[in-house]
Structures are given as structure tokens and as C-alpha cells.
Protein backbone atom coordinates (compact mmCIF):
# COMPACT_ATOMS: atom_id res chain seq x y z
CA MET A 1 28.37 254.60 -63.99
CA LEU A 2 30.77 257.38 -62.93
CA GLU A 3 34.56 257.17 -63.45
CA ASN A 4 37.48 259.21 -62.59
CA ILE A 5 38.75 259.75 -65.98
CA ASN A 6 40.03 263.14 -66.58
CA GLY A 7 37.67 264.34 -63.80
CA LEU A 8 34.18 262.61 -63.22
CA ARG A 9 32.61 260.84 -66.18
CA LEU A 10 29.15 259.78 -66.71
CA LYS A 11 28.71 256.65 -69.09
CA TYR A 12 25.58 255.22 -70.26
CA PHE A 13 27.18 252.50 -72.54
CA THR A 14 29.29 249.78 -72.07
CA ASP A 15 32.58 249.13 -74.32
CA GLU A 16 30.44 246.51 -76.17
CA GLN A 17 27.61 248.39 -76.73
CA ILE A 18 29.60 251.23 -78.19
CA ALA A 19 31.21 248.79 -80.54
CA LYS A 20 27.93 247.58 -81.75
CA ILE A 21 26.59 251.22 -82.22
CA HIS A 22 29.64 251.86 -84.46
CA ALA A 23 29.41 248.52 -86.27
CA ASN A 24 25.91 249.39 -87.01
CA GLY A 25 26.83 252.76 -88.56
CA LEU A 26 29.39 251.17 -90.59
CA ASP A 27 26.92 248.79 -91.94
CA ILE A 28 24.40 251.29 -92.69
CA LEU A 29 26.79 253.59 -94.60
CA GLU A 30 27.92 250.60 -96.86
CA SER A 31 24.66 248.85 -97.36
CA HIS A 32 22.14 251.78 -97.28
CA GLY A 33 24.22 254.73 -97.74
CA PHE A 34 23.48 258.57 -97.50
CA LYS A 35 22.22 261.11 -99.92
CA CYS A 36 24.64 263.97 -100.92
CA GLU A 37 23.14 266.60 -103.20
CA HIS A 38 26.57 268.33 -104.25
CA GLN A 39 28.13 267.25 -107.53
CA GLY A 40 31.54 268.28 -106.43
CA ALA A 41 31.41 266.28 -103.32
CA LEU A 42 29.86 263.26 -105.24
CA GLU A 43 33.13 263.26 -107.47
CA ILE A 44 35.58 263.67 -104.65
CA LEU A 45 33.85 260.72 -102.80
CA LYS A 46 33.89 258.66 -106.00
CA ASP A 47 37.78 259.35 -106.43
CA GLN A 48 38.18 258.04 -102.79
CA GLY A 49 36.62 254.67 -103.52
CA ALA A 50 33.05 255.35 -102.43
CA LYS A 51 30.19 253.65 -104.75
CA VAL A 52 28.36 256.66 -106.13
CA ASP A 53 24.97 256.87 -107.85
CA PHE A 54 25.23 260.16 -109.39
CA GLU A 55 21.47 260.18 -110.67
CA LYS A 56 20.12 259.35 -107.35
CA GLN A 57 22.88 261.14 -105.32
CA ILE A 58 23.35 258.18 -102.97
CA VAL A 59 26.71 257.42 -101.80
CA LYS A 60 27.77 254.17 -100.07
CA VAL A 61 31.02 253.71 -98.49
CA LYS A 62 33.04 250.74 -97.07
CA PRO A 63 34.39 250.62 -93.49
CA ASP A 64 37.98 251.22 -94.77
CA LEU A 65 37.23 254.71 -96.17
CA VAL A 66 35.17 255.83 -93.00
CA LYS A 67 37.96 254.66 -90.65
CA LYS A 68 40.59 256.51 -92.86
CA CYS A 69 38.51 259.61 -92.41
CA ILE A 70 38.09 259.28 -88.62
CA ARG A 71 41.93 258.87 -88.36
CA SER A 72 42.43 262.23 -90.30
CA GLY A 73 40.45 264.29 -87.86
CA ILE A 74 42.12 266.40 -85.22
CA SER A 75 41.64 266.26 -81.57
CA LYS A 76 42.65 269.87 -80.49
CA PHE A 77 42.77 273.26 -82.39
CA THR A 78 42.41 276.85 -81.69
CA MET A 79 39.34 279.15 -82.20
CA GLY A 80 40.98 282.46 -82.77
CA ALA A 81 39.76 285.75 -81.66
CA ARG A 82 40.36 289.44 -82.53
CA ASP A 83 41.89 289.81 -78.92
CA PRO A 84 44.62 286.91 -78.85
CA GLU A 85 44.06 286.53 -75.09
CA LYS A 86 40.67 285.71 -75.89
CA ASN A 87 41.54 282.68 -78.06
CA VAL A 88 39.96 279.39 -77.24
CA THR A 89 41.31 275.94 -77.51
CA VAL A 90 38.94 273.17 -78.12
CA GLU A 91 39.90 269.42 -77.58
CA HIS A 92 38.66 265.97 -77.42
CA ASN A 93 37.12 264.76 -73.93
CA PRO A 94 38.34 267.83 -71.98
CA ARG A 95 38.04 268.27 -68.14
CA PHE A 96 36.23 271.77 -68.77
CA PRO A 97 34.16 272.64 -71.69
CA VAL A 98 34.06 275.86 -73.32
CA ARG A 99 30.78 277.65 -73.30
CA ARG A 100 28.91 279.65 -76.00
CA ASN A 101 25.37 281.34 -76.03
CA GLY A 102 22.58 279.90 -77.88
CA GLY A 103 22.98 280.65 -81.60
CA GLY A 104 20.49 281.30 -84.51
CA VAL A 105 17.90 282.82 -82.58
CA ASP A 106 15.68 285.52 -83.99
CA LYS A 107 13.19 286.07 -81.19
CA LEU A 108 13.68 287.88 -77.81
CA ILE A 109 12.10 287.93 -74.45
CA ASP A 110 12.08 291.73 -73.70
CA MET A 111 13.80 292.47 -70.40
CA GLU A 112 11.56 295.25 -69.62
CA THR A 113 8.12 294.09 -70.73
CA GLY A 114 8.47 290.27 -70.85
CA GLN A 115 6.96 290.51 -74.41
CA PHE A 116 8.03 287.64 -76.85
CA ARG A 117 9.02 289.76 -80.05
CA ASP A 118 11.36 290.13 -82.76
CA MET A 119 14.89 290.40 -82.32
CA LEU A 120 16.29 293.96 -83.78
CA LEU A 121 19.76 294.92 -84.60
CA SER A 122 19.94 297.34 -81.52
CA ASP A 123 19.18 294.20 -79.50
CA THR A 124 21.93 292.10 -80.67
CA LYS A 125 24.59 294.98 -80.36
CA GLU A 126 23.58 295.31 -76.96
CA LEU A 127 23.47 291.55 -76.31
CA PHE A 128 26.91 291.07 -77.92
CA HIS A 129 28.39 293.63 -75.40
CA VAL A 130 27.10 291.60 -72.58
CA LEU A 131 28.31 288.49 -73.97
CA ASP A 132 31.64 290.05 -74.44
CA ALA A 133 31.80 290.91 -70.87
CA MET A 134 30.89 287.78 -69.32
CA ASP A 135 33.99 285.45 -68.70
CA ALA A 136 31.73 282.52 -68.30
CA ILE A 137 31.00 282.68 -71.99
CA SER A 138 34.14 281.53 -74.06
CA LEU A 139 32.87 282.45 -77.63
CA ILE A 140 29.86 283.95 -79.29
CA SER A 141 27.19 282.56 -81.60
CA PRO A 142 24.99 284.78 -83.69
CA LEU A 143 21.64 286.43 -82.85
CA TYR A 144 19.63 287.27 -85.99
CA PRO A 145 17.65 290.69 -86.20
CA HIS A 146 14.33 291.07 -88.13
CA ASP A 147 15.16 294.69 -89.10
CA VAL A 148 17.76 293.38 -91.62
CA PRO A 149 16.66 291.66 -94.82
CA GLU A 150 17.16 287.83 -94.77
CA SER A 151 18.92 288.11 -98.03
CA TYR A 152 22.11 289.40 -96.38
CA ARG A 153 21.23 288.93 -92.70
CA ASP A 154 24.04 286.45 -91.96
CA VAL A 155 26.66 288.89 -93.49
CA ALA A 156 25.29 292.02 -91.65
CA VAL A 157 25.37 289.95 -88.19
CA LEU A 158 28.81 288.78 -88.79
CA GLU A 159 29.81 292.43 -89.37
CA THR A 160 28.06 293.28 -86.11
CA MET A 161 29.88 290.66 -84.00
CA PHE A 162 33.36 291.72 -85.42
CA ASN A 163 32.38 295.28 -84.24
CA HIS A 164 30.93 294.41 -80.85
CA THR A 165 33.15 291.55 -79.48
CA SER A 166 36.57 290.77 -79.49
CA LYS A 167 35.93 287.00 -78.81
CA HIS A 168 35.70 284.19 -81.29
CA VAL A 169 32.47 284.30 -83.20
CA ASN A 170 30.29 281.71 -84.99
CA ILE A 171 28.09 282.15 -87.97
CA ARG A 172 25.51 280.38 -90.20
CA THR A 173 24.96 281.23 -93.86
CA PHE A 174 21.89 281.45 -96.01
CA SER A 175 23.40 281.01 -99.33
CA LYS A 176 26.52 280.05 -101.25
CA GLU A 177 27.09 283.75 -102.40
CA ASN A 178 26.80 284.91 -98.80
CA LEU A 179 29.23 282.21 -97.88
CA LYS A 180 31.88 283.74 -100.07
CA VAL A 181 31.43 287.13 -98.52
CA LEU A 182 31.54 285.67 -94.89
CA VAL A 183 34.91 284.12 -95.87
CA GLU A 184 36.20 287.30 -97.10
CA MET A 185 35.15 289.05 -94.07
CA GLY A 186 37.04 286.56 -92.00
CA LEU A 187 40.25 286.63 -93.96
CA LEU A 188 40.08 290.59 -93.83
CA VAL A 189 39.90 290.73 -89.99
CA ALA A 190 42.43 288.02 -89.47
CA GLY A 191 44.84 289.91 -91.63
CA GLY A 192 45.04 287.32 -94.69
CA GLN A 193 44.70 283.67 -95.51
CA GLU A 194 47.64 282.42 -93.75
CA GLU A 195 46.93 284.21 -90.68
CA PHE A 196 43.41 282.82 -90.68
CA ARG A 197 44.58 279.48 -90.88
CA GLN A 198 46.96 280.11 -87.65
CA CYS A 199 43.90 282.14 -85.81
CA PRO A 200 40.54 281.60 -87.39
CA VAL A 201 38.47 284.42 -86.00
CA PHE A 202 35.15 283.01 -86.88
CA SER A 203 33.71 279.46 -86.99
CA ILE A 204 30.69 278.14 -89.24
CA PHE A 205 27.95 275.76 -88.51
CA ASP A 206 25.64 273.64 -90.64
CA SER A 207 23.75 270.40 -90.76
CA PRO A 208 22.13 267.61 -92.79
CA LEU A 209 18.46 266.87 -92.83
CA SER A 210 17.72 264.02 -90.76
CA PRO A 211 17.71 260.95 -91.59
CA LEU A 212 20.93 260.98 -93.62
CA LYS A 213 20.35 263.80 -96.45
CA PHE A 214 22.99 266.31 -97.11
CA PRO A 215 21.72 269.27 -99.16
CA GLU A 216 23.89 271.24 -101.53
CA LEU A 217 24.37 274.29 -99.34
CA THR A 218 25.09 272.20 -96.35
CA VAL A 219 27.93 270.37 -98.19
CA GLU A 220 29.13 273.63 -99.67
CA VAL A 221 29.56 275.03 -96.28
CA PHE A 222 31.60 271.72 -95.15
CA LEU A 223 33.73 271.88 -98.28
CA THR A 224 34.49 275.69 -97.96
CA ALA A 225 35.30 275.33 -94.21
CA GLY A 226 37.87 272.54 -94.79
CA GLU A 227 39.42 274.75 -97.91
CA TYR A 228 39.95 277.79 -95.64
CA GLY A 229 40.59 276.03 -92.23
CA ILE A 230 37.30 277.35 -90.71
CA PRO A 231 36.42 275.61 -87.82
CA LEU A 232 33.18 273.57 -88.69
CA TYR A 233 30.18 272.68 -86.38
CA MET A 234 29.13 269.81 -88.01
CA ALA A 235 25.43 269.41 -86.69
CA ASN A 236 22.83 267.00 -87.11
CA LEU A 237 19.22 267.24 -85.12
CA PRO A 238 16.56 264.30 -85.56
CA ILE A 239 13.59 264.50 -83.47
CA ALA A 240 12.60 261.23 -81.98
CA GLY A 241 9.49 259.68 -83.50
CA ALA A 242 9.61 262.21 -86.29
CA THR A 243 12.90 262.55 -88.37
CA GLY A 244 14.66 260.08 -86.03
CA PRO A 245 13.63 256.68 -84.34
CA PHE A 246 11.45 256.58 -81.42
CA THR A 247 13.81 254.82 -79.00
CA LEU A 248 16.60 256.42 -77.10
CA ALA A 249 19.08 253.98 -78.32
CA GLY A 250 17.88 254.53 -82.04
CA MET A 251 18.42 258.29 -81.82
CA VAL A 252 22.12 257.62 -80.52
CA GLN A 253 22.42 255.17 -83.52
CA LEU A 254 21.02 257.64 -85.88
CA LEU A 255 23.08 260.56 -84.66
CA HIS A 256 26.36 258.55 -84.73
CA THR A 257 25.81 257.32 -88.30
CA GLU A 258 25.02 260.71 -89.44
CA LEU A 259 28.33 262.04 -87.85
CA LEU A 260 30.15 259.24 -89.62
CA ALA A 261 28.62 260.52 -93.06
CA SER A 262 29.59 264.03 -92.14
CA VAL A 263 33.26 263.04 -91.28
CA VAL A 264 33.42 261.13 -94.50
CA ILE A 265 32.44 264.07 -96.59
CA CYS A 266 34.78 266.66 -94.83
CA GLN A 267 37.68 264.53 -94.44
CA SER A 268 37.60 262.97 -97.82
CA ALA A 269 37.82 266.44 -99.36
CA HIS A 270 40.04 268.22 -96.75
CA PRO A 271 42.17 265.68 -94.46
CA GLY A 272 42.94 267.34 -91.15
CA ALA A 273 40.10 269.99 -91.50
CA PRO A 274 39.15 271.34 -88.02
CA MET A 275 35.65 270.13 -86.93
CA LEU A 276 33.47 269.93 -83.83
CA LEU A 277 31.03 267.29 -83.89
CA HIS A 278 27.68 268.77 -83.09
CA PRO A 279 24.88 266.20 -82.29
CA LEU A 280 21.73 267.55 -81.08
CA ALA A 281 18.63 265.59 -80.12
CA MET A 282 14.87 266.38 -79.61
CA THR A 283 11.99 264.29 -78.54
CA MET A 284 8.18 264.84 -78.74
CA ASP A 285 5.48 265.18 -76.11
CA TRP A 286 3.11 262.47 -77.58
CA GLN A 287 0.11 264.13 -75.78
CA THR A 288 0.75 267.67 -77.63
CA LEU A 289 2.89 266.62 -80.36
CA VAL A 290 5.11 269.52 -79.24
CA GLY A 291 8.93 269.15 -80.01
CA LEU A 292 11.05 269.10 -76.89
CA SER A 293 14.65 269.92 -76.48
CA ALA A 294 14.84 269.70 -72.56
CA SER A 295 13.15 266.53 -71.73
CA ILE A 296 15.13 264.35 -69.62
CA GLU A 297 15.27 261.79 -72.34
CA SER A 298 16.83 264.07 -75.12
CA THR A 299 19.47 265.03 -72.48
CA MET A 300 20.23 261.45 -71.84
CA ILE A 301 20.58 260.80 -75.51
CA THR A 302 22.86 263.82 -75.65
CA ALA A 303 24.89 262.29 -72.89
CA GLY A 304 25.01 258.98 -74.61
CA ILE A 305 25.97 260.56 -78.09
CA ILE A 306 29.05 262.23 -76.29
CA GLN A 307 30.10 258.99 -74.93
CA VAL A 308 30.09 257.24 -78.09
CA ALA A 309 31.58 260.11 -80.24
CA ASN A 310 34.23 260.64 -77.54
CA GLU A 311 35.28 256.86 -77.96
CA ILE A 312 35.05 256.68 -81.89
CA PHE A 313 36.12 259.95 -83.20
CA LYS A 314 38.85 261.38 -80.80
CA MET A 315 37.37 264.91 -82.10
CA PRO A 316 35.95 267.62 -79.76
CA VAL A 317 32.27 267.44 -79.42
CA ASP A 318 29.94 270.37 -79.08
CA VAL A 319 26.25 270.06 -77.76
CA HIS A 320 23.46 272.14 -77.03
CA GLY A 321 23.07 272.22 -73.27
CA PRO A 322 20.68 274.55 -71.64
CA TRP A 323 17.68 275.06 -74.16
CA SER A 324 14.57 274.78 -72.34
CA ASP A 325 11.04 273.93 -73.13
CA THR A 326 9.43 276.55 -71.22
CA TYR A 327 9.07 280.40 -72.40
CA ILE A 328 10.63 282.23 -69.67
CA ALA A 329 13.38 282.29 -67.17
CA ASP A 330 11.44 280.43 -64.45
CA SER A 331 12.07 277.47 -62.24
CA GLN A 332 11.16 274.83 -65.06
CA SER A 333 13.83 276.36 -67.08
CA MET A 334 16.64 276.12 -64.24
CA LEU A 335 15.62 272.57 -63.43
CA GLU A 336 15.89 271.44 -67.09
CA ARG A 337 19.13 273.46 -67.78
CA THR A 338 20.92 272.25 -64.77
CA PHE A 339 20.48 268.54 -66.15
CA GLN A 340 21.35 269.72 -69.66
CA VAL A 341 24.67 271.32 -68.57
CA MET A 342 25.67 268.58 -66.03
CA LEU A 343 25.16 265.57 -67.99
CA PRO A 344 26.97 266.66 -71.07
CA THR A 345 29.62 268.15 -68.97
CA LEU A 346 30.21 264.77 -67.09
CA SER A 347 30.14 262.86 -70.41
CA GLY A 348 33.13 264.81 -71.69
CA ALA A 349 31.65 267.54 -74.08
CA ALA A 350 34.36 269.82 -75.33
CA SER A 351 31.91 272.68 -75.71
CA ILE A 352 28.27 273.37 -74.46
CA ALA A 353 26.00 275.87 -76.26
CA GLY A 354 22.77 277.27 -75.48
CA PHE A 355 23.18 279.78 -72.65
CA GLY A 356 20.38 282.40 -72.55
CA ASP A 357 18.08 280.32 -74.82
CA VAL A 358 14.33 279.54 -73.85
CA GLN A 359 11.40 277.94 -75.79
CA GLU A 360 13.40 275.22 -77.55
CA GLY A 361 16.09 277.57 -78.80
CA LEU A 362 13.61 279.81 -80.38
CA ALA A 363 14.06 282.92 -78.12
CA PHE A 364 16.77 284.64 -76.44
CA CYS A 365 16.00 285.94 -72.74
CA PRO A 366 18.73 288.08 -71.30
CA ILE A 367 17.48 287.47 -67.88
CA GLN A 368 18.02 283.84 -68.33
CA LEU A 369 21.68 284.61 -69.52
CA GLY A 370 22.32 286.20 -66.23
CA MET A 371 21.13 283.24 -64.49
CA ASP A 372 23.00 281.09 -66.78
CA GLU A 373 26.13 282.71 -65.65
CA GLU A 374 25.93 281.45 -62.42
CA LEU A 375 25.03 278.08 -63.46
CA ILE A 376 28.35 278.01 -65.41
CA GLY A 377 30.10 279.14 -62.40
CA PHE A 378 28.54 276.36 -60.31
CA THR A 379 29.36 273.77 -62.84
CA MET A 380 32.97 274.80 -63.53
CA LYS A 381 33.64 274.90 -59.67
CA SER A 382 32.18 271.25 -59.34
CA LEU A 383 34.59 270.13 -62.05
CA GLU A 384 37.57 271.59 -60.36
CA GLY A 385 37.30 268.82 -57.72
CA ILE A 386 38.39 269.03 -54.02
CA PRO A 387 42.01 270.50 -53.85
CA PHE A 388 44.05 267.89 -52.00
CA ASP A 389 47.45 268.46 -50.19
CA ASP A 390 48.79 268.48 -46.74
CA ASP A 391 48.32 272.11 -46.21
CA ARG A 392 44.55 272.02 -47.07
CA LEU A 393 44.08 268.99 -44.98
CA ALA A 394 44.66 271.57 -42.13
CA VAL A 395 45.78 269.18 -39.57
CA GLU A 396 48.06 271.70 -37.81
CA ALA A 397 45.10 274.22 -37.93
CA ILE A 398 42.86 271.84 -36.19
CA LYS A 399 45.70 271.72 -33.50
CA ARG A 400 46.14 275.15 -33.29
CA VAL A 401 42.47 276.06 -32.97
CA GLY A 402 42.00 273.62 -30.13
CA PHE A 403 38.72 272.32 -28.47
CA GLY A 404 35.78 274.41 -29.12
CA GLY A 405 37.39 277.14 -31.03
CA ASP A 406 36.56 278.72 -34.46
CA PHE A 407 38.50 278.97 -37.62
CA MET A 408 37.34 282.49 -38.65
CA VAL A 409 40.63 284.22 -38.65
CA GLU A 410 42.84 281.05 -38.77
CA GLU A 411 45.71 281.39 -41.29
CA THR A 412 44.56 278.71 -43.75
CA THR A 413 41.04 280.35 -43.73
CA LEU A 414 42.50 283.63 -45.02
CA LYS A 415 44.84 281.73 -47.53
CA TYR A 416 42.32 280.03 -49.22
CA LEU A 417 39.29 282.06 -48.94
CA ARG A 418 39.17 283.27 -52.45
CA SER A 419 40.66 280.19 -54.20
CA ASP A 420 38.74 277.24 -52.66
CA TYR A 421 35.24 278.93 -52.83
CA TYR A 422 33.23 280.34 -55.71
CA GLN A 423 32.01 283.84 -55.38
CA PRO A 424 28.62 284.35 -56.97
CA ARG A 425 27.38 287.36 -58.64
CA ILE A 426 23.71 287.53 -58.08
CA LEU A 427 22.81 284.80 -55.88
CA ASN A 428 21.34 285.90 -52.54
CA ARG A 429 23.19 285.01 -49.39
CA LEU A 430 22.19 287.85 -47.07
CA ALA A 431 20.61 287.52 -43.74
CA ARG A 432 16.80 287.61 -44.00
CA GLU A 433 16.33 290.94 -42.46
CA ASP A 434 19.19 292.47 -44.84
CA TRP A 435 17.46 290.84 -47.68
CA GLU A 436 14.04 292.36 -46.80
CA ALA A 437 15.87 295.92 -46.22
CA ALA A 438 17.25 295.39 -49.68
CA GLY A 439 13.78 295.07 -51.28
CA ARG A 440 13.40 291.16 -51.30
CA LYS A 441 15.21 290.86 -54.50
CA GLU A 442 14.47 287.61 -56.36
CA LEU A 443 17.03 285.86 -58.62
CA ASN A 444 15.36 287.05 -61.76
CA SER A 445 15.50 290.77 -60.61
CA ALA A 446 19.26 290.31 -59.55
CA ALA A 447 20.06 288.62 -63.12
CA LYS A 448 18.13 291.60 -65.04
CA GLN A 449 20.29 294.11 -62.91
CA ARG A 450 23.54 292.43 -63.82
CA VAL A 451 22.75 292.17 -67.50
CA LYS A 452 21.65 295.85 -67.76
CA LYS A 453 24.74 296.95 -65.91
CA LEU A 454 26.75 295.04 -68.44
CA MET A 455 24.99 296.59 -71.35
CA LYS A 456 25.52 300.08 -69.87
CA GLU A 457 29.08 300.05 -68.72
CA HIS A 458 30.99 297.26 -70.99
CA GLN A 459 32.66 298.42 -74.20
CA PRO A 460 34.37 295.74 -76.31
CA GLU A 461 37.62 296.45 -77.92
CA PRO A 462 36.66 298.33 -81.20
CA LEU A 463 37.74 297.26 -84.68
CA GLU A 464 40.23 299.55 -86.33
CA PRO A 465 38.31 302.23 -88.64
CA GLY A 466 40.01 300.91 -91.88
CA LEU A 467 38.74 297.40 -91.05
CA GLN A 468 35.18 298.82 -90.13
CA LYS A 469 35.12 300.35 -93.56
CA GLU A 470 36.14 297.37 -95.53
CA LEU A 471 33.72 295.25 -93.70
CA ARG A 472 31.01 297.58 -94.61
CA LYS A 473 31.82 297.51 -98.27
CA LEU A 474 31.54 293.82 -98.39
CA VAL A 475 28.24 293.90 -96.55
CA LYS A 476 27.00 296.39 -99.16
CA SER A 477 27.93 294.06 -102.03
CA ARG A 478 25.22 291.88 -100.80
CA GLN A 479 22.48 294.33 -100.32
């Protein structure tokens, strides 16, 4: 069902069905609970009235506490950037979602050879330049190089992002020790703790283990984010039939219940902390037992949980859109990601991630990123709707042109040529003979050329030398 609410909206569930899902989630948290492996959080939850079994680390919460925590969440906030003109506002149920690349990837589809290989630090720098240059990308998620030791890879990646983009950046940590350094780096770049709260220059991501288990590091990230005002991507990722129920509705139920538990942990500790709900869903191919991120069912589950979360939480919802179950930028990938962008967008996602990803988010493909730039352009244009006013209805223009005439140089054509029509960057719109004369270039080749051009020509706004030195010291402290 489509409704004209703040733009087009796709709805899989009725109001009664959403109420049932929420009531079930409240019952699960009260009667079954969730596991929290963080002593400090257990103490906080007990103080808030939760029933806590410290030995088993099981928390059970009554509906009143859940509802209180939901009410304390905020619906709109700023994701700051080094360049204030690139600050991003995320909000509940927007007309236009913000966009970010697929994060956490450590493999690359080499643009020249097509080889699937380890990501290197030099690759990440080039790709951050490209992402910084693309207006279609609102903020940037981490790419992890293999030629940096894993013990401090997250810290080194945040340094690299601060040096190679002036947009807002996102990171995931590998340890509590590194988490402290990441915070120091963010405060340094922002100019201090209060400045960071006003304009947080990085955000952080973490997730429980489905079903309903919150490891110590995950909870530490949740609490630290709230303490410093770091925007938190509060994720969960069950796999249907494995770590989540087999049915589509059951997956939505578990996703919602885990989001409820996450909100209780975060908002009990730090009411009003900025959070993006980040529900993710995978299914399985039951013939090969391969996990699928881009099946139409996983996309439907994603759209369904966005609808439920928007109705219950009134907080921004971020989801993975264009993953892909294929290994290269091909027709299958474009088919999958078209649905993966459009369904979440029409469901009211505040933010969509995954641009440039293939192979279930395990590999980054620069050519795919070049193609995704056009996919974003098409999507954003479609959400604008059709501008409607007396001038655009062109009644007088129709009369002026007369019978059998043309509108090529009519004044309304010239007036609205650029504003009413999307101008693609790499799509072919040449006449056949001109296309053949230009070398019969296909979309992949045009995307490659576009990305290589940005790699070569775009230079992000540099960090001040003093900040570069201080960041380097912090990174060395973890080596």
C-alpha cells in the first residue's frame, strides 16, 4: 500500500499488526529478557527498575521502563563534519534519506584487473577521495586495510578518514582501549568536548549478537557514545533460519525486540543520546546454505522493520540498501540494489548505507560505486515528485506553440531545462552512431572512467598540520 505521507510511503503492515509486533516485543523483554555481559550496564538497569540476574547476566524489563526509554530518544540531530557546510541532519521518517558507502569492508574488487584482493591503505585513501568528491554520498563509512595490523586498524582508519575527507565519518572499534583513543581523536578534531557535542565529527557503530545477546564491548560502545554525544548506529543482524526466525514476520519481530533492548540500555544510561536504529536482515539460500543480503525477502524484511520502527520509536532509522549477492558490478547487482534502495526509501529510512558494496558487503567495488552514484541520482529525483504550479502546467505555452508546433525553444523549456530534469553523469544518451564512434562504451567502463577521474583530480580539504601531528601521536600510542 502506498500513501502520500511526506512523499510516497510503502507499508506492509496495518496499524493493528504493528501494535501486535510491539506488544510481543514488550512481552519478550518482560518475560524472557536479554543477556547483557557488561557489569556497569547491569547496575544501571537495576537502578532503573529492571529485574537483573547478575550471575546469568539476564535482564528483564517492564513495559513502563521500555516506554520511558523510547520517549527519551531524539528524532533529529546533526552529524557534524570538518567542513561545516558538509554537516548532515538525520531525522525520523524524512522525505529524502542521507546516503553512505558500505562500511567495514576489507576486500576490494581491483578496478584494473577485476581481482578480488585484500584492501590496502593506499586503496582506502584513493577511495575516500572519491567518496569525498561525490555529492551523492552524504557521509563516509570505514574501509579497513590489511597492511595495517588489526590491533590498531580502527584507530589508523579514523586517522586516514580525517585526513582524506572533510565529510562526517563513521567507525567501528575493535577494543575498549582503542575506543578511548577514537574518542580522543574525535574531540581533538572537533576542538574540544563541548564543540564535539555541538558538532560530532564522527559516529560509531556496534551491534548485539542475535538473538538478544549484548557482548561487553558492544555495551561499552553504547555507553561511551552516550557519554560523549557520539551518534550511535545501534545495529542488529539476524539471519533468517539461523540466528533469527525463518519467517519474514518473525524476523521483523526479532529485529524490533532487539532494537527495544538496545534503546533500553542506551537511554537508561544517557537519556537523549543521539542514536540511529540500524536493523539489518539476511536470509539463506536453502539449496546452497549461502547467506543472502540481497534477496527480495531480506529487502522486504528491511522495509517492514523500517515501518515498525518509524511508528514506534520516532527515531532515525538507518539500513543497508545496496548490498548484493553477486561478486561484481553486473546486471544482477543492479537488479538487486534497485529494489534495495527504493523499498527502504519508500518505507521512510532516514539513512541508507552500502553504496559500492558487492558480495554481501564483503567486498568494495569502485566501479559499482560509480554506477551507484547514478542510482542515487535517480532515486532522489523520483522522491522530488512532479513540481506543480500554473507556470509548469504550461497552458499558455501550449496555446503559443499552436497546432503541430514544437516546444524546443519555448520559454518554459529553457526556464525549467535544468531544474525539472536529472542530468546523469555516466549514462549513455548518445545516438547509436555517436555511441559507436565513441567506442561503444558500456556502463561499467563509464563508471570506471568516472571513478578514476575523481581519484586523480579531487583533493579533499586538508587537516591543519598541527592536528595531523597530534592524530599521529594518538595512533602511535596504540601501535
